[in-house]
Amino acid sequence: PGADARHMSVTSEYLCVSVPPVMPKSFANELMRIFAENPGSRRVFLLVEDGKKPPKRISTKYSIACSGDTIRAIEKVVGKGAVRA
């Protein structure tokens, strides 16, 4: 049980957003705007999924607050279920 508890506390410090391997600049700009407007303590990582291998995890410079509104705003851009908190 101790290892699970540690794992949970580590994952709660991050927010992963699944994105396609290629995305329009407007798409990326909208995500960056959402991240910038919702500062907080969770580091944001992008998971690039191309369907061929495990997703590549890319660190961003953003740390955001993880509210329902923030997640909905991100999902409006990248699609429902793309945010993994």
N, C-alpha and C. Protein backbone atom coordinates (compact mmCIF):
# COMPACT_ATOMS: atom_id res chain seq x y z
N PRO A 1 0.82 -1.22 0.00
CA PRO A 1 0.00 0.00 0.00
C PRO A 1 0.85 1.26 0.00
N GLY A 2 2.03 1.26 0.64
CA GLY A 2 2.88 2.44 0.71
C GLY A 2 3.32 2.91 -0.67
N ALA A 3 3.69 1.95 -1.54
CA ALA A 3 4.16 2.31 -2.88
C ALA A 3 3.02 2.95 -3.67
N ASP A 4 1.81 2.42 -3.54
CA ASP A 4 0.66 2.99 -4.25
C ASP A 4 0.40 4.42 -3.81
N ALA A 5 0.51 4.66 -2.51
CA ALA A 5 0.25 5.99 -1.98
C ALA A 5 1.28 6.98 -2.52
N ARG A 6 2.54 6.54 -2.57
CA ARG A 6 3.59 7.41 -3.12
C ARG A 6 3.31 7.70 -4.58
N HIS A 7 2.92 6.68 -5.33
CA HIS A 7 2.64 6.85 -6.76
C HIS A 7 1.52 7.86 -6.96
N MET A 8 0.48 7.78 -6.14
CA MET A 8 -0.65 8.70 -6.25
C MET A 8 -0.19 10.14 -5.99
N SER A 9 0.64 10.36 -4.99
CA SER A 9 1.04 11.73 -4.68
C SER A 9 1.93 12.30 -5.79
N VAL A 10 2.73 11.45 -6.43
CA VAL A 10 3.57 11.92 -7.52
C VAL A 10 2.69 12.30 -8.72
N THR A 11 1.74 11.44 -9.08
CA THR A 11 0.93 11.73 -10.27
C THR A 11 0.05 12.95 -10.07
N SER A 12 -0.30 13.28 -8.83
CA SER A 12 -1.15 14.44 -8.61
C SER A 12 -0.41 15.76 -8.85
N GLU A 13 0.91 15.69 -9.07
CA GLU A 13 1.69 16.89 -9.34
C GLU A 13 1.77 17.19 -10.83
N TYR A 14 1.21 16.31 -11.65
CA TYR A 14 1.33 16.43 -13.10
C TYR A 14 -0.03 16.42 -13.77
N LEU A 15 -0.05 16.96 -14.98
CA LEU A 15 -1.24 16.89 -15.82
C LEU A 15 -0.72 16.54 -17.21
N CYS A 16 -1.20 15.44 -17.78
CA CYS A 16 -0.77 15.03 -19.11
C CYS A 16 -1.89 15.29 -20.10
N VAL A 17 -1.53 15.84 -21.25
CA VAL A 17 -2.50 16.14 -22.30
C VAL A 17 -2.09 15.37 -23.55
N SER A 18 -2.97 14.49 -24.04
CA SER A 18 -2.68 13.74 -25.27
C SER A 18 -2.89 14.64 -26.47
N VAL A 19 -1.91 14.66 -27.36
CA VAL A 19 -1.99 15.49 -28.56
C VAL A 19 -1.56 14.65 -29.77
N PRO A 20 -2.06 15.02 -30.96
CA PRO A 20 -1.63 14.30 -32.16
C PRO A 20 -0.19 14.65 -32.51
N PRO A 21 0.50 13.81 -33.30
CA PRO A 21 1.90 14.07 -33.64
C PRO A 21 2.08 15.37 -34.43
N VAL A 22 1.07 15.75 -35.20
CA VAL A 22 1.14 17.00 -35.95
C VAL A 22 -0.12 17.79 -35.62
N MET A 23 0.06 19.05 -35.23
CA MET A 23 -1.11 19.86 -34.94
C MET A 23 -0.93 21.26 -35.50
N PRO A 24 -2.05 21.88 -35.91
CA PRO A 24 -1.96 23.24 -36.44
C PRO A 24 -1.43 24.20 -35.39
N LYS A 25 -0.77 25.26 -35.86
CA LYS A 25 -0.22 26.26 -34.94
C LYS A 25 -1.32 26.87 -34.08
N SER A 26 -2.51 27.07 -34.65
CA SER A 26 -3.62 27.67 -33.89
C SER A 26 -4.01 26.78 -32.71
N PHE A 27 -3.94 25.49 -32.91
CA PHE A 27 -4.26 24.47 -31.91
C PHE A 27 -3.25 24.59 -30.75
N ALA A 28 -1.96 24.64 -31.10
CA ALA A 28 -0.91 24.76 -30.08
C ALA A 28 -1.02 26.09 -29.35
N ASN A 29 -1.29 27.17 -30.09
CA ASN A 29 -1.42 28.49 -29.48
C ASN A 29 -2.58 28.53 -28.49
N GLU A 30 -3.69 27.89 -28.83
CA GLU A 30 -4.85 27.86 -27.94
C GLU A 30 -4.51 27.10 -26.65
N LEU A 31 -3.82 25.98 -26.77
CA LEU A 31 -3.40 25.23 -25.57
C LEU A 31 -2.49 26.08 -24.69
N MET A 32 -1.52 26.75 -25.30
CA MET A 32 -0.59 27.59 -24.52
C MET A 32 -1.34 28.73 -23.84
N ARG A 33 -2.34 29.28 -24.50
CA ARG A 33 -3.13 30.36 -23.89
C ARG A 33 -3.86 29.84 -22.65
N ILE A 34 -4.48 28.66 -22.77
CA ILE A 34 -5.20 28.06 -21.63
C ILE A 34 -4.22 27.80 -20.48
N PHE A 35 -3.06 27.22 -20.80
CA PHE A 35 -2.06 26.94 -19.76
C PHE A 35 -1.63 28.23 -19.06
N ALA A 36 -1.37 29.28 -19.86
CA ALA A 36 -0.88 30.55 -19.31
C ALA A 36 -1.94 31.24 -18.45
N GLU A 37 -3.22 31.06 -18.80
CA GLU A 37 -4.29 31.74 -18.07
C GLU A 37 -4.74 31.01 -16.81
N ASN A 38 -4.19 29.81 -16.58
CA ASN A 38 -4.60 29.02 -15.41
C ASN A 38 -3.39 28.54 -14.63
N PRO A 39 -2.57 29.49 -14.13
CA PRO A 39 -1.36 29.09 -13.41
C PRO A 39 -1.68 28.32 -12.13
N GLY A 40 -0.82 27.37 -11.82
CA GLY A 40 -1.02 26.58 -10.61
C GLY A 40 0.21 25.74 -10.34
N SER A 41 0.02 24.63 -9.63
CA SER A 41 1.16 23.83 -9.19
C SER A 41 1.39 22.54 -9.98
N ARG A 42 0.49 22.20 -10.91
CA ARG A 42 0.67 20.95 -11.66
C ARG A 42 1.46 21.18 -12.93
N ARG A 43 2.59 20.48 -13.07
CA ARG A 43 3.40 20.56 -14.29
C ARG A 43 2.61 19.95 -15.45
N VAL A 44 2.71 20.57 -16.60
CA VAL A 44 1.99 20.08 -17.79
C VAL A 44 2.96 19.33 -18.70
N PHE A 45 2.54 18.13 -19.08
CA PHE A 45 3.29 17.32 -20.05
C PHE A 45 2.37 17.04 -21.22
N LEU A 46 2.94 17.02 -22.42
CA LEU A 46 2.18 16.62 -23.60
C LEU A 46 2.53 15.18 -23.92
N LEU A 47 1.52 14.37 -24.20
CA LEU A 47 1.74 12.99 -24.63
C LEU A 47 1.46 12.95 -26.13
N VAL A 48 2.51 12.76 -26.91
CA VAL A 48 2.35 12.72 -28.36
C VAL A 48 2.06 11.28 -28.76
N GLU A 49 0.85 11.07 -29.28
CA GLU A 49 0.41 9.71 -29.63
C GLU A 49 0.33 9.55 -31.14
N ASP A 50 1.17 8.66 -31.68
CA ASP A 50 1.10 8.41 -33.11
C ASP A 50 0.60 7.00 -33.41
N GLY A 51 0.23 6.26 -32.36
CA GLY A 51 -0.36 4.93 -32.53
C GLY A 51 0.64 3.82 -32.78
N LYS A 52 1.92 4.12 -32.93
CA LYS A 52 2.90 3.09 -33.26
C LYS A 52 3.70 2.59 -32.08
N LYS A 53 3.81 3.40 -31.05
CA LYS A 53 4.65 3.04 -29.90
C LYS A 53 4.08 3.72 -28.67
N PRO A 54 4.65 3.47 -27.50
CA PRO A 54 4.15 4.22 -26.34
C PRO A 54 4.27 5.72 -26.63
N PRO A 55 3.32 6.52 -26.13
CA PRO A 55 3.38 7.95 -26.41
C PRO A 55 4.67 8.59 -25.88
N LYS A 56 5.13 9.59 -26.60
CA LYS A 56 6.32 10.33 -26.17
C LYS A 56 5.86 11.43 -25.22
N ARG A 57 6.48 11.52 -24.05
CA ARG A 57 6.10 12.53 -23.06
C ARG A 57 7.03 13.73 -23.18
N ILE A 58 6.44 14.90 -23.43
CA ILE A 58 7.22 16.12 -23.60
C ILE A 58 6.88 17.08 -22.47
N SER A 59 7.91 17.54 -21.78
CA SER A 59 7.72 18.50 -20.71
C SER A 59 7.45 19.89 -21.29
N THR A 60 6.57 20.66 -20.65
CA THR A 60 6.34 22.04 -21.05
C THR A 60 6.83 22.95 -19.93
N LYS A 61 6.86 24.24 -20.21
CA LYS A 61 7.28 25.19 -19.18
C LYS A 61 6.12 25.58 -18.27
N TYR A 62 4.94 25.02 -18.51
CA TYR A 62 3.75 25.45 -17.79
C TYR A 62 3.45 24.60 -16.57
N SER A 63 2.91 25.26 -15.55
CA SER A 63 2.32 24.59 -14.38
C SER A 63 0.95 25.22 -14.22
N ILE A 64 -0.09 24.39 -14.15
CA ILE A 64 -1.44 24.94 -14.13
C ILE A 64 -2.25 24.46 -12.95
N ALA A 65 -3.35 25.17 -12.70
CA ALA A 65 -4.33 24.75 -11.71
C ALA A 65 -5.25 23.76 -12.41
N CYS A 66 -5.56 22.69 -11.73
CA CYS A 66 -6.34 21.62 -12.36
C CYS A 66 -7.80 21.71 -11.91
N SER A 67 -8.54 22.63 -12.50
CA SER A 67 -9.96 22.75 -12.16
C SER A 67 -10.78 22.11 -13.28
N GLY A 68 -12.03 21.85 -12.99
CA GLY A 68 -12.93 21.29 -14.00
C GLY A 68 -13.03 22.19 -15.21
N ASP A 69 -13.06 23.50 -14.99
CA ASP A 69 -13.15 24.45 -16.10
C ASP A 69 -11.91 24.39 -16.98
N THR A 70 -10.75 24.29 -16.35
CA THR A 70 -9.50 24.23 -17.10
C THR A 70 -9.47 22.96 -17.96
N ILE A 71 -9.83 21.83 -17.35
CA ILE A 71 -9.83 20.56 -18.09
C ILE A 71 -10.82 20.63 -19.26
N ARG A 72 -12.01 21.20 -19.03
CA ARG A 72 -12.99 21.32 -20.11
C ARG A 72 -12.46 22.20 -21.23
N ALA A 73 -11.76 23.30 -20.89
CA ALA A 73 -11.20 24.19 -21.91
C ALA A 73 -10.15 23.46 -22.75
N ILE A 74 -9.30 22.68 -22.09
CA ILE A 74 -8.27 21.91 -22.81
C ILE A 74 -8.93 20.87 -23.71
N GLU A 75 -9.94 20.16 -23.16
CA GLU A 75 -10.61 19.11 -23.93
C GLU A 75 -11.38 19.68 -25.12
N LYS A 76 -11.80 20.93 -25.03
CA LYS A 76 -12.48 21.57 -26.15
C LYS A 76 -11.51 21.67 -27.33
N VAL A 77 -10.22 21.83 -27.03
CA VAL A 77 -9.20 21.95 -28.07
C VAL A 77 -8.74 20.57 -28.56
N VAL A 78 -8.41 19.68 -27.62
CA VAL A 78 -7.78 18.40 -28.00
C VAL A 78 -8.72 17.22 -28.03
N GLY A 79 -9.94 17.38 -27.51
CA GLY A 79 -10.90 16.27 -27.53
C GLY A 79 -11.13 15.70 -26.15
N LYS A 80 -12.34 15.21 -25.95
CA LYS A 80 -12.74 14.66 -24.66
C LYS A 80 -11.88 13.47 -24.28
N GLY A 81 -11.47 13.41 -23.03
CA GLY A 81 -10.68 12.28 -22.55
C GLY A 81 -9.18 12.44 -22.79
N ALA A 82 -8.75 13.55 -23.38
CA ALA A 82 -7.33 13.73 -23.69
C ALA A 82 -6.52 14.19 -22.49
N VAL A 83 -7.20 14.66 -21.44
CA VAL A 83 -6.50 15.16 -20.25
C VAL A 83 -6.43 14.04 -19.22
N ARG A 84 -5.23 13.77 -18.75
CA ARG A 84 -5.03 12.74 -17.72
C ARG A 84 -4.43 13.41 -16.50
N ALA A 85 -5.24 13.51 -15.47
CA ALA A 85 -4.77 14.20 -14.26
C ALA A 85 -4.20 13.18 -13.29
